[in-house]
N, C-alpha and C. Protein backbone atom coordinates (compact mmCIF):
# COMPACT_ATOMS: atom_id res chain seq x y z
N MET A 1 0.84 -1.18 0.00
CA MET A 1 0.00 0.00 0.00
C MET A 1 0.89 1.25 0.00
N SER A 2 0.41 2.30 -0.63
CA SER A 2 1.17 3.55 -0.62
C SER A 2 0.21 4.70 -0.78
N GLY A 3 0.74 5.92 -0.79
CA GLY A 3 -0.12 7.07 -0.98
C GLY A 3 0.39 8.25 -0.18
N ALA A 4 -0.03 9.45 -0.55
CA ALA A 4 0.45 10.64 0.13
C ALA A 4 -0.50 11.09 1.21
N LEU A 5 0.04 11.63 2.26
CA LEU A 5 -0.81 12.04 3.37
C LEU A 5 -0.39 13.37 3.95
N TYR A 6 -1.35 14.15 4.33
CA TYR A 6 -1.03 15.47 4.86
C TYR A 6 -1.49 15.62 6.29
N CYS A 7 -1.98 14.57 6.88
CA CYS A 7 -2.46 14.66 8.25
C CYS A 7 -1.89 13.52 9.03
N PRO A 8 -2.34 12.31 8.78
CA PRO A 8 -1.83 11.17 9.51
C PRO A 8 -0.65 10.53 8.83
N ILE A 9 -0.85 9.42 8.16
CA ILE A 9 0.23 8.59 7.68
C ILE A 9 0.26 8.58 6.17
N VAL A 10 1.46 8.60 5.55
CA VAL A 10 1.42 8.56 4.12
C VAL A 10 2.51 7.84 3.41
N THR A 11 3.35 8.57 2.82
CA THR A 11 4.29 8.02 1.87
C THR A 11 5.70 7.99 2.39
N ASP A 12 6.50 7.09 1.81
CA ASP A 12 7.91 7.02 2.17
C ASP A 12 8.72 7.97 1.28
N ARG A 13 8.09 8.60 0.32
CA ARG A 13 8.83 9.45 -0.61
C ARG A 13 9.09 10.81 0.02
N PRO A 14 10.35 11.24 0.07
CA PRO A 14 10.68 12.52 0.71
C PRO A 14 10.04 13.71 0.03
N ASP A 15 9.78 13.62 -1.30
CA ASP A 15 9.19 14.75 -1.99
C ASP A 15 7.72 14.93 -1.63
N GLU A 16 7.14 13.94 -0.91
CA GLU A 16 5.75 14.05 -0.50
C GLU A 16 5.65 14.14 1.02
N ALA A 17 6.73 14.57 1.66
CA ALA A 17 6.74 14.64 3.11
C ALA A 17 5.71 15.62 3.62
N ALA A 18 5.17 15.36 4.83
CA ALA A 18 4.17 16.23 5.42
C ALA A 18 4.55 16.48 6.86
N PRO A 19 4.06 17.57 7.44
CA PRO A 19 4.37 17.84 8.83
C PRO A 19 3.78 16.78 9.74
N ALA A 20 4.46 16.54 10.86
CA ALA A 20 3.99 15.53 11.80
C ALA A 20 2.64 15.92 12.37
N SER A 21 1.77 14.96 12.52
CA SER A 21 0.46 15.19 13.09
C SER A 21 0.37 14.46 14.42
N GLU A 22 -0.73 14.73 15.12
CA GLU A 22 -0.94 14.05 16.41
C GLU A 22 -1.03 12.55 16.21
N LEU A 23 -1.73 12.11 15.15
CA LEU A 23 -1.85 10.68 14.88
C LEU A 23 -0.50 10.08 14.53
N LEU A 24 0.28 10.80 13.72
CA LEU A 24 1.59 10.30 13.32
C LEU A 24 2.49 10.10 14.54
N ARG A 25 2.48 11.05 15.45
CA ARG A 25 3.29 10.92 16.65
C ARG A 25 2.80 9.76 17.52
N ALA A 26 1.48 9.57 17.56
CA ALA A 26 0.93 8.46 18.35
C ALA A 26 1.33 7.12 17.75
N VAL A 27 1.31 7.03 16.42
CA VAL A 27 1.72 5.79 15.75
C VAL A 27 3.18 5.48 16.05
N GLY A 28 4.03 6.51 15.96
CA GLY A 28 5.45 6.32 16.26
C GLY A 28 5.67 5.84 17.68
N SER A 29 4.92 6.40 18.61
CA SER A 29 5.04 6.00 20.01
C SER A 29 4.61 4.55 20.20
N ARG A 30 3.55 4.13 19.49
CA ARG A 30 3.10 2.74 19.61
C ARG A 30 4.13 1.77 19.04
N ILE A 31 4.74 2.15 17.93
CA ILE A 31 5.77 1.29 17.34
C ILE A 31 6.93 1.12 18.32
N ARG A 32 7.38 2.22 18.91
CA ARG A 32 8.49 2.15 19.86
C ARG A 32 8.12 1.29 21.07
N THR A 33 6.91 1.48 21.61
CA THR A 33 6.48 0.73 22.79
C THR A 33 6.40 -0.75 22.49
N LEU A 34 5.79 -1.11 21.35
CA LEU A 34 5.68 -2.53 20.99
C LEU A 34 7.05 -3.14 20.75
N ARG A 35 7.92 -2.40 20.09
CA ARG A 35 9.28 -2.92 19.84
C ARG A 35 10.01 -3.19 21.16
N GLN A 36 9.91 -2.25 22.09
CA GLN A 36 10.58 -2.42 23.37
C GLN A 36 9.95 -3.53 24.20
N ASP A 37 8.62 -3.65 24.13
CA ASP A 37 7.93 -4.72 24.85
C ASP A 37 8.38 -6.10 24.37
N ARG A 38 8.75 -6.17 23.09
CA ARG A 38 9.19 -7.44 22.50
C ARG A 38 10.71 -7.58 22.53
N HIS A 39 11.37 -6.64 23.19
CA HIS A 39 12.83 -6.67 23.39
C HIS A 39 13.56 -6.75 22.04
N LEU A 40 13.09 -5.95 21.09
CA LEU A 40 13.71 -5.90 19.77
C LEU A 40 14.52 -4.63 19.62
N THR A 41 15.70 -4.75 19.05
CA THR A 41 16.48 -3.55 18.72
C THR A 41 15.95 -2.99 17.40
N LEU A 42 16.38 -1.78 17.07
CA LEU A 42 15.99 -1.20 15.79
C LEU A 42 16.45 -2.07 14.63
N ASP A 43 17.66 -2.59 14.74
CA ASP A 43 18.20 -3.44 13.67
C ASP A 43 17.40 -4.73 13.54
N GLU A 44 16.99 -5.31 14.66
CA GLU A 44 16.22 -6.55 14.60
C GLU A 44 14.84 -6.33 13.98
N LEU A 45 14.19 -5.22 14.34
CA LEU A 45 12.90 -4.92 13.74
C LEU A 45 13.05 -4.63 12.26
N SER A 46 14.12 -3.97 11.89
CA SER A 46 14.38 -3.68 10.49
C SER A 46 14.54 -4.97 9.69
N GLN A 47 15.29 -5.93 10.25
CA GLN A 47 15.50 -7.20 9.57
C GLN A 47 14.20 -7.99 9.45
N ARG A 48 13.40 -7.96 10.49
CA ARG A 48 12.14 -8.71 10.48
C ARG A 48 11.13 -8.13 9.49
N SER A 49 11.09 -6.81 9.41
CA SER A 49 10.05 -6.14 8.63
C SER A 49 10.46 -5.80 7.21
N GLY A 50 11.77 -5.66 6.97
CA GLY A 50 12.22 -5.20 5.67
C GLY A 50 12.14 -3.69 5.53
N VAL A 51 11.85 -3.00 6.64
CA VAL A 51 11.81 -1.54 6.66
C VAL A 51 13.15 -1.03 7.18
N SER A 52 13.68 0.00 6.57
CA SER A 52 15.01 0.47 6.94
C SER A 52 15.05 0.96 8.39
N ARG A 53 16.23 0.82 8.99
CA ARG A 53 16.42 1.28 10.37
C ARG A 53 16.16 2.78 10.47
N ARG A 54 16.60 3.53 9.47
CA ARG A 54 16.40 4.97 9.47
C ARG A 54 14.92 5.33 9.46
N MET A 55 14.14 4.62 8.62
CA MET A 55 12.71 4.89 8.56
C MET A 55 12.04 4.60 9.90
N ILE A 56 12.41 3.48 10.54
CA ILE A 56 11.82 3.14 11.83
C ILE A 56 12.17 4.19 12.87
N THR A 57 13.43 4.62 12.88
CA THR A 57 13.87 5.64 13.83
C THR A 57 13.07 6.93 13.65
N MET A 58 12.88 7.34 12.41
CA MET A 58 12.15 8.57 12.14
C MET A 58 10.67 8.43 12.48
N LEU A 59 10.11 7.25 12.21
CA LEU A 59 8.72 7.00 12.57
C LEU A 59 8.52 7.06 14.08
N GLU A 60 9.40 6.40 14.80
CA GLU A 60 9.28 6.40 16.26
C GLU A 60 9.41 7.80 16.84
N GLY A 61 10.14 8.65 16.16
CA GLY A 61 10.31 10.02 16.62
C GLY A 61 9.25 10.97 16.09
N GLY A 62 8.29 10.44 15.31
CA GLY A 62 7.25 11.29 14.74
C GLY A 62 7.78 12.28 13.73
N GLU A 63 8.86 11.91 13.03
CA GLU A 63 9.54 12.85 12.14
C GLU A 63 9.24 12.62 10.67
N THR A 64 8.49 11.55 10.33
CA THR A 64 8.22 11.28 8.93
C THR A 64 6.92 10.53 8.79
N ASN A 65 6.39 10.55 7.58
CA ASN A 65 5.21 9.76 7.25
C ASN A 65 5.65 8.41 6.71
N ALA A 66 4.70 7.49 6.62
CA ALA A 66 5.00 6.18 6.06
C ALA A 66 3.82 5.71 5.24
N SER A 67 4.07 4.85 4.28
CA SER A 67 2.97 4.28 3.51
C SER A 67 2.20 3.29 4.38
N LEU A 68 0.97 3.00 3.98
CA LEU A 68 0.19 2.00 4.69
C LEU A 68 0.88 0.64 4.61
N GLY A 69 1.55 0.38 3.48
CA GLY A 69 2.26 -0.88 3.33
C GLY A 69 3.41 -1.01 4.31
N THR A 70 4.13 0.10 4.55
CA THR A 70 5.23 0.08 5.51
C THR A 70 4.71 -0.20 6.91
N LEU A 71 3.61 0.44 7.28
CA LEU A 71 3.03 0.21 8.61
C LEU A 71 2.53 -1.22 8.75
N ASP A 72 1.99 -1.77 7.67
CA ASP A 72 1.52 -3.15 7.70
C ASP A 72 2.69 -4.11 7.92
N LYS A 73 3.82 -3.85 7.27
CA LYS A 73 5.01 -4.69 7.46
C LYS A 73 5.49 -4.62 8.91
N LEU A 74 5.48 -3.42 9.48
CA LEU A 74 5.92 -3.26 10.87
C LEU A 74 4.96 -3.96 11.82
N ALA A 75 3.66 -3.86 11.56
CA ALA A 75 2.69 -4.53 12.42
C ALA A 75 2.91 -6.03 12.42
N ARG A 76 3.14 -6.59 11.26
CA ARG A 76 3.37 -8.04 11.18
C ARG A 76 4.68 -8.43 11.87
N ALA A 77 5.70 -7.61 11.70
CA ALA A 77 6.98 -7.90 12.35
C ALA A 77 6.86 -7.79 13.87
N LEU A 78 5.96 -6.95 14.33
CA LEU A 78 5.74 -6.77 15.77
C LEU A 78 4.68 -7.72 16.30
N ASP A 79 4.14 -8.58 15.42
CA ASP A 79 3.13 -9.57 15.79
C ASP A 79 1.90 -8.90 16.40
N CYS A 80 1.42 -7.86 15.72
CA CYS A 80 0.20 -7.19 16.17
C CYS A 80 -0.65 -6.88 14.95
N ALA A 81 -1.87 -6.49 15.16
CA ALA A 81 -2.76 -6.11 14.07
C ALA A 81 -2.43 -4.71 13.58
N PHE A 82 -2.67 -4.47 12.30
CA PHE A 82 -2.46 -3.14 11.73
C PHE A 82 -3.21 -2.09 12.52
N ALA A 83 -4.43 -2.42 12.91
CA ALA A 83 -5.25 -1.47 13.66
C ALA A 83 -4.63 -1.08 14.99
N ASP A 84 -3.84 -1.98 15.58
CA ASP A 84 -3.20 -1.67 16.85
C ASP A 84 -2.25 -0.48 16.72
N LEU A 85 -1.76 -0.24 15.51
CA LEU A 85 -0.83 0.87 15.29
C LEU A 85 -1.55 2.18 14.99
N VAL A 86 -2.69 2.12 14.28
CA VAL A 86 -3.26 3.35 13.75
C VAL A 86 -4.59 3.78 14.36
N VAL A 87 -5.28 2.89 15.05
CA VAL A 87 -6.58 3.25 15.62
C VAL A 87 -6.38 3.83 17.01
N GLU A 88 -6.88 5.07 17.20
CA GLU A 88 -6.66 5.74 18.47
C GLU A 88 -7.51 5.16 19.60
N ARG A 89 -8.65 4.57 19.25
CA ARG A 89 -9.51 3.96 20.26
C ARG A 89 -10.43 2.97 19.56
N PRO A 90 -10.79 1.88 20.23
CA PRO A 90 -11.69 0.90 19.61
C PRO A 90 -13.12 1.43 19.56
N VAL A 91 -13.92 0.83 18.69
CA VAL A 91 -15.33 1.17 18.61
C VAL A 91 -16.04 0.57 19.83
N ALA A 92 -16.79 1.39 20.54
CA ALA A 92 -17.50 0.90 21.73
C ALA A 92 -18.75 0.13 21.31
N PRO A 93 -19.05 -1.00 21.96
CA PRO A 93 -20.26 -1.76 21.64
C PRO A 93 -21.52 -0.94 21.92
N LEU A 94 -22.49 -1.05 21.01
CA LEU A 94 -23.82 -0.46 21.19
C LEU A 94 -23.80 1.06 21.34
N VAL A 95 -22.78 1.71 20.76
CA VAL A 95 -22.69 3.18 20.80
C VAL A 95 -22.60 3.70 19.37
N PRO A 96 -23.68 4.30 18.84
CA PRO A 96 -23.62 4.83 17.47
C PRO A 96 -22.52 5.89 17.34
N GLU A 97 -21.90 5.91 16.19
CA GLU A 97 -20.80 6.84 15.96
C GLU A 97 -20.75 7.21 14.49
N ARG A 98 -20.49 8.47 14.19
CA ARG A 98 -20.37 8.89 12.80
C ARG A 98 -19.02 8.47 12.23
N ALA A 99 -19.05 7.93 11.01
CA ALA A 99 -17.82 7.48 10.38
C ALA A 99 -16.83 8.62 10.21
N GLU A 100 -17.35 9.82 9.91
CA GLU A 100 -16.48 10.97 9.67
C GLU A 100 -15.76 11.42 10.94
N ALA A 101 -16.21 10.93 12.11
CA ALA A 101 -15.55 11.29 13.36
C ALA A 101 -14.20 10.59 13.50
N ARG A 102 -14.01 9.53 12.72
CA ARG A 102 -12.73 8.81 12.75
C ARG A 102 -11.70 9.57 11.92
N GLN A 103 -10.52 9.75 12.47
CA GLN A 103 -9.47 10.49 11.78
C GLN A 103 -8.97 9.69 10.58
N PRO A 104 -8.77 10.33 9.42
CA PRO A 104 -8.24 9.60 8.26
C PRO A 104 -6.87 9.01 8.55
N VAL A 105 -6.65 7.82 8.03
CA VAL A 105 -5.34 7.17 8.13
C VAL A 105 -4.53 7.45 6.87
N TRP A 106 -5.24 7.73 5.78
CA TRP A 106 -4.57 8.05 4.51
C TRP A 106 -5.30 9.21 3.85
N GLU A 107 -4.53 10.16 3.30
CA GLU A 107 -5.05 11.26 2.51
C GLU A 107 -4.06 11.58 1.40
N ASP A 108 -4.56 12.19 0.33
CA ASP A 108 -3.65 12.56 -0.76
C ASP A 108 -3.49 14.07 -0.89
N GLY A 109 -4.08 14.83 0.04
CA GLY A 109 -3.92 16.27 0.01
C GLY A 109 -4.86 16.98 -0.93
N ARG A 110 -5.69 16.20 -1.68
CA ARG A 110 -6.62 16.80 -2.63
C ARG A 110 -8.08 16.54 -2.25
N GLY A 111 -8.29 15.81 -1.17
CA GLY A 111 -9.65 15.50 -0.75
C GLY A 111 -9.94 14.02 -0.65
N SER A 112 -9.05 13.19 -1.20
CA SER A 112 -9.21 11.74 -1.05
C SER A 112 -8.81 11.33 0.36
N SER A 113 -9.46 10.30 0.88
CA SER A 113 -9.14 9.88 2.25
C SER A 113 -9.56 8.44 2.48
N ALA A 114 -9.00 7.84 3.55
CA ALA A 114 -9.37 6.49 3.97
C ALA A 114 -9.44 6.47 5.48
N ARG A 115 -10.56 6.00 6.00
CA ARG A 115 -10.76 5.91 7.45
C ARG A 115 -10.94 4.45 7.84
N LEU A 116 -10.15 4.00 8.79
CA LEU A 116 -10.33 2.66 9.34
C LEU A 116 -11.43 2.77 10.40
N LEU A 117 -12.60 2.24 10.09
CA LEU A 117 -13.76 2.41 10.96
C LEU A 117 -13.77 1.41 12.11
N ALA A 118 -13.41 0.17 11.84
CA ALA A 118 -13.42 -0.85 12.88
C ALA A 118 -12.51 -1.99 12.45
N ALA A 119 -12.02 -2.75 13.42
CA ALA A 119 -11.13 -3.86 13.12
C ALA A 119 -11.30 -4.95 14.17
N ARG A 120 -11.08 -6.19 13.73
CA ARG A 120 -11.14 -7.33 14.64
C ARG A 120 -10.02 -8.28 14.27
N SER A 121 -9.27 -8.75 15.25
CA SER A 121 -8.12 -9.60 14.94
C SER A 121 -8.00 -10.79 15.88
N ARG A 122 -9.12 -11.25 16.42
CA ARG A 122 -9.05 -12.36 17.37
C ARG A 122 -8.73 -13.68 16.67
N VAL A 123 -9.37 -13.94 15.54
CA VAL A 123 -9.10 -15.16 14.80
C VAL A 123 -8.36 -14.80 13.52
N ALA A 124 -9.04 -14.12 12.65
CA ALA A 124 -8.41 -13.58 11.45
C ALA A 124 -8.63 -12.07 11.49
N THR A 125 -7.76 -11.35 10.82
CA THR A 125 -7.89 -9.89 10.82
C THR A 125 -9.06 -9.46 9.94
N THR A 126 -9.91 -8.61 10.49
CA THR A 126 -11.02 -8.03 9.74
C THR A 126 -11.02 -6.53 9.99
N GLU A 127 -11.00 -5.75 8.91
CA GLU A 127 -10.98 -4.30 9.02
C GLU A 127 -12.07 -3.70 8.13
N LEU A 128 -12.79 -2.72 8.65
CA LEU A 128 -13.81 -2.00 7.89
C LEU A 128 -13.32 -0.58 7.64
N TRP A 129 -13.22 -0.21 6.36
CA TRP A 129 -12.71 1.10 5.96
C TRP A 129 -13.76 1.88 5.19
N LEU A 130 -13.72 3.21 5.33
CA LEU A 130 -14.50 4.11 4.48
C LEU A 130 -13.51 4.91 3.64
N TRP A 131 -13.59 4.74 2.33
CA TRP A 131 -12.67 5.41 1.41
C TRP A 131 -13.40 6.44 0.57
N GLN A 132 -12.69 7.51 0.23
CA GLN A 132 -13.17 8.49 -0.73
C GLN A 132 -12.03 8.90 -1.63
N LEU A 133 -12.25 8.82 -2.94
CA LEU A 133 -11.27 9.27 -3.92
C LEU A 133 -11.88 10.39 -4.74
N VAL A 134 -11.18 11.51 -4.86
CA VAL A 134 -11.66 12.61 -5.68
C VAL A 134 -11.46 12.25 -7.15
N GLY A 135 -12.04 13.07 -8.02
CA GLY A 135 -11.94 12.80 -9.44
C GLY A 135 -10.50 12.67 -9.92
N GLY A 136 -10.22 11.59 -10.65
CA GLY A 136 -8.89 11.37 -11.21
C GLY A 136 -7.89 10.76 -10.24
N ALA A 137 -8.27 10.56 -8.98
CA ALA A 137 -7.33 10.02 -7.99
C ALA A 137 -7.12 8.52 -8.21
N ARG A 138 -5.92 8.07 -7.83
CA ARG A 138 -5.56 6.65 -7.97
C ARG A 138 -4.75 6.24 -6.76
N TYR A 139 -5.02 5.05 -6.24
CA TYR A 139 -4.29 4.52 -5.09
C TYR A 139 -3.73 3.15 -5.45
N GLU A 140 -2.41 2.97 -5.32
CA GLU A 140 -1.76 1.70 -5.62
C GLU A 140 -1.46 0.95 -4.33
N ALA A 141 -1.76 -0.33 -4.31
CA ALA A 141 -1.55 -1.16 -3.12
C ALA A 141 -0.59 -2.30 -3.43
N GLU A 142 0.25 -2.62 -2.47
CA GLU A 142 1.14 -3.76 -2.59
C GLU A 142 0.34 -5.04 -2.32
N ALA A 143 0.89 -6.17 -2.71
CA ALA A 143 0.23 -7.44 -2.46
C ALA A 143 0.18 -7.73 -0.96
N ASP A 144 -0.98 -8.21 -0.48
CA ASP A 144 -1.13 -8.62 0.90
C ASP A 144 -0.69 -10.07 1.05
N PRO A 145 -0.62 -10.59 2.27
CA PRO A 145 -0.19 -11.98 2.47
C PRO A 145 -1.09 -12.97 1.72
N PRO A 146 -0.56 -14.15 1.38
CA PRO A 146 -1.35 -15.16 0.67
C PRO A 146 -2.66 -15.47 1.38
N GLY A 147 -3.73 -15.59 0.60
CA GLY A 147 -5.03 -15.89 1.17
C GLY A 147 -5.85 -14.68 1.56
N SER A 148 -5.27 -13.47 1.43
CA SER A 148 -6.00 -12.25 1.79
C SER A 148 -6.99 -11.89 0.69
N GLU A 149 -8.08 -11.24 1.10
CA GLU A 149 -9.04 -10.74 0.13
C GLU A 149 -9.77 -9.53 0.70
N GLU A 150 -10.49 -8.82 -0.17
CA GLU A 150 -11.25 -7.65 0.23
C GLU A 150 -12.66 -7.75 -0.33
N LEU A 151 -13.58 -7.11 0.38
CA LEU A 151 -14.95 -6.93 -0.11
C LEU A 151 -15.15 -5.43 -0.30
N LEU A 152 -15.53 -5.02 -1.49
CA LEU A 152 -15.71 -3.61 -1.82
C LEU A 152 -17.17 -3.35 -2.15
N PHE A 153 -17.69 -2.22 -1.65
CA PHE A 153 -19.07 -1.81 -1.94
C PHE A 153 -19.08 -0.32 -2.23
N VAL A 154 -19.50 0.05 -3.43
CA VAL A 154 -19.50 1.45 -3.85
C VAL A 154 -20.78 2.12 -3.37
N ARG A 155 -20.62 3.16 -2.55
CA ARG A 155 -21.77 3.90 -2.04
C ARG A 155 -22.21 4.99 -2.99
N THR A 156 -21.25 5.74 -3.52
CA THR A 156 -21.55 6.80 -4.48
C THR A 156 -20.44 6.88 -5.51
N GLY A 157 -20.79 7.27 -6.73
CA GLY A 157 -19.79 7.47 -7.76
C GLY A 157 -19.41 6.19 -8.49
N ARG A 158 -18.28 6.25 -9.18
CA ARG A 158 -17.76 5.12 -9.95
C ARG A 158 -16.34 4.81 -9.51
N LEU A 159 -16.02 3.53 -9.44
CA LEU A 159 -14.70 3.07 -9.02
C LEU A 159 -14.19 2.05 -10.01
N VAL A 160 -12.92 2.14 -10.36
CA VAL A 160 -12.28 1.12 -11.19
C VAL A 160 -11.24 0.42 -10.32
N VAL A 161 -11.32 -0.90 -10.26
CA VAL A 161 -10.35 -1.71 -9.54
C VAL A 161 -9.41 -2.34 -10.57
N GLU A 162 -8.13 -2.12 -10.40
CA GLU A 162 -7.13 -2.67 -11.32
C GLU A 162 -6.40 -3.81 -10.64
N THR A 163 -6.37 -4.96 -11.27
CA THR A 163 -5.62 -6.10 -10.75
C THR A 163 -4.94 -6.79 -11.93
N GLY A 164 -3.62 -6.79 -11.93
CA GLY A 164 -2.90 -7.28 -13.10
C GLY A 164 -3.22 -6.41 -14.30
N ALA A 165 -3.57 -7.05 -15.43
CA ALA A 165 -3.94 -6.30 -16.63
C ALA A 165 -5.45 -6.10 -16.71
N THR A 166 -6.18 -6.48 -15.68
CA THR A 166 -7.64 -6.41 -15.69
C THR A 166 -8.14 -5.15 -14.99
N GLU A 167 -9.12 -4.48 -15.60
CA GLU A 167 -9.78 -3.35 -14.99
C GLU A 167 -11.24 -3.71 -14.75
N LEU A 168 -11.69 -3.55 -13.50
CA LEU A 168 -13.05 -3.92 -13.13
C LEU A 168 -13.81 -2.67 -12.72
N PRO A 169 -14.74 -2.17 -13.55
CA PRO A 169 -15.51 -0.98 -13.21
C PRO A 169 -16.65 -1.32 -12.26
N LEU A 170 -16.82 -0.49 -11.24
CA LEU A 170 -17.91 -0.67 -10.28
C LEU A 170 -18.71 0.62 -10.20
N ARG A 171 -20.03 0.50 -10.26
CA ARG A 171 -20.91 1.65 -10.14
C ARG A 171 -21.57 1.66 -8.77
N GLN A 172 -22.26 2.73 -8.48
CA GLN A 172 -22.96 2.87 -7.20
C GLN A 172 -23.87 1.67 -6.96
N GLY A 173 -23.74 1.09 -5.76
CA GLY A 173 -24.57 -0.05 -5.39
C GLY A 173 -23.98 -1.40 -5.76
N GLU A 174 -22.83 -1.42 -6.46
CA GLU A 174 -22.22 -2.68 -6.85
C GLU A 174 -21.13 -3.07 -5.86
N LEU A 175 -20.91 -4.38 -5.75
CA LEU A 175 -19.89 -4.89 -4.83
C LEU A 175 -18.94 -5.82 -5.57
N LEU A 176 -17.80 -6.08 -4.95
CA LEU A 176 -16.77 -6.92 -5.57
C LEU A 176 -16.00 -7.65 -4.49
N ARG A 177 -15.76 -8.93 -4.72
CA ARG A 177 -14.84 -9.70 -3.88
C ARG A 177 -13.50 -9.73 -4.59
N LEU A 178 -12.48 -9.21 -3.93
CA LEU A 178 -11.18 -9.00 -4.58
C LEU A 178 -10.07 -9.77 -3.87
N PRO A 179 -9.46 -10.77 -4.51
CA PRO A 179 -8.25 -11.37 -3.94
C PRO A 179 -7.16 -10.30 -3.89
N SER A 180 -6.58 -10.07 -2.72
CA SER A 180 -5.64 -8.95 -2.57
C SER A 180 -4.22 -9.42 -2.31
N ASP A 181 -3.92 -10.69 -2.62
CA ASP A 181 -2.56 -11.19 -2.43
C ASP A 181 -1.70 -10.97 -3.68
N VAL A 182 -2.14 -10.07 -4.54
CA VAL A 182 -1.37 -9.60 -5.70
C VAL A 182 -1.49 -8.08 -5.72
N PRO A 183 -0.56 -7.36 -6.36
CA PRO A 183 -0.69 -5.90 -6.42
C PRO A 183 -2.00 -5.48 -7.08
N TYR A 184 -2.60 -4.41 -6.59
CA TYR A 184 -3.87 -3.94 -7.15
C TYR A 184 -3.95 -2.43 -6.94
N ALA A 185 -4.98 -1.81 -7.50
CA ALA A 185 -5.13 -0.36 -7.39
C ALA A 185 -6.59 0.01 -7.47
N TYR A 186 -6.92 1.17 -6.87
CA TYR A 186 -8.24 1.78 -7.00
C TYR A 186 -8.07 3.05 -7.82
N ARG A 187 -9.05 3.33 -8.67
CA ARG A 187 -8.98 4.55 -9.48
C ARG A 187 -10.37 5.15 -9.65
N ASN A 188 -10.45 6.46 -9.54
CA ASN A 188 -11.69 7.18 -9.82
C ASN A 188 -11.59 7.73 -11.24
N PRO A 189 -12.33 7.16 -12.19
CA PRO A 189 -12.22 7.61 -13.58
C PRO A 189 -13.03 8.85 -13.89
N GLY A 190 -13.86 9.29 -12.95
CA GLY A 190 -14.74 10.43 -13.21
C GLY A 190 -14.22 11.72 -12.63
N THR A 191 -15.09 12.70 -12.60
CA THR A 191 -14.73 14.02 -12.06
C THR A 191 -15.32 14.23 -10.67
N ARG A 192 -16.31 13.44 -10.30
CA ARG A 192 -16.92 13.55 -8.99
C ARG A 192 -16.32 12.53 -8.03
N PRO A 193 -16.34 12.80 -6.74
CA PRO A 193 -15.77 11.85 -5.77
C PRO A 193 -16.50 10.51 -5.79
N VAL A 194 -15.76 9.45 -5.52
CA VAL A 194 -16.35 8.13 -5.33
C VAL A 194 -16.12 7.75 -3.87
N GLN A 195 -17.14 7.22 -3.24
CA GLN A 195 -17.03 6.78 -1.85
C GLN A 195 -17.38 5.30 -1.79
N PHE A 196 -16.52 4.53 -1.11
CA PHE A 196 -16.78 3.09 -1.05
C PHE A 196 -16.34 2.51 0.29
N LEU A 197 -17.00 1.43 0.65
CA LEU A 197 -16.64 0.66 1.84
C LEU A 197 -15.70 -0.45 1.44
N ARG A 198 -14.72 -0.70 2.28
CA ARG A 198 -13.70 -1.71 2.01
C ARG A 198 -13.54 -2.58 3.26
N VAL A 199 -13.80 -3.87 3.12
CA VAL A 199 -13.62 -4.80 4.22
C VAL A 199 -12.41 -5.67 3.91
N ILE A 200 -11.39 -5.61 4.75
CA ILE A 200 -10.18 -6.41 4.57
C ILE A 200 -10.29 -7.68 5.38
N LEU A 201 -10.06 -8.81 4.73
CA LEU A 201 -10.08 -10.11 5.39
C LEU A 201 -8.72 -10.76 5.18
N ALA A 202 -7.94 -10.84 6.25
CA ALA A 202 -6.57 -11.37 6.15
C ALA A 202 -6.41 -12.56 7.08
N PRO A 203 -5.73 -13.61 6.63
CA PRO A 203 -5.54 -14.79 7.48
C PRO A 203 -4.64 -14.50 8.67
């Protein structure tokens, strides 16, 4: 996963760097705490995750953004759920809550955003996301672990899902089951925003 962010978490590319946010600093603190709880050095976490020692150091210090893919690698290396790194608080049972009240985990600086609404990781990881892509926006994702898949439901607008050489257009009210253990992408081919729900199911 990748993408640019101007509030919470984003890209590893220095030309898309953004100022540290409260969420970014909180994520860095959680990474450091989990690493120390597991008695891992920076070098050991780097070797386990494939993320550079410098990137981890900067993340822990709240000094840089990271792609969603980088955070996912760190979560797996730390033996925790992705949501454990980025969700500030769990959803309370039987308490209605507006989706927009959740802070975006990904933004592109033009109005596109992704909010992790809820997650469950007791047996298999399950995450519910609310995504919005502005006209012409595109999001590229790295391959997830073998056996992973997603359920997509378009609430408004049009969405194109790219997987390999295949493009799958989805209109409002349509859903798609997407194997996500290969690289894939979301694209808004229109001029109006597209909003869709994304359920991640990972073994």
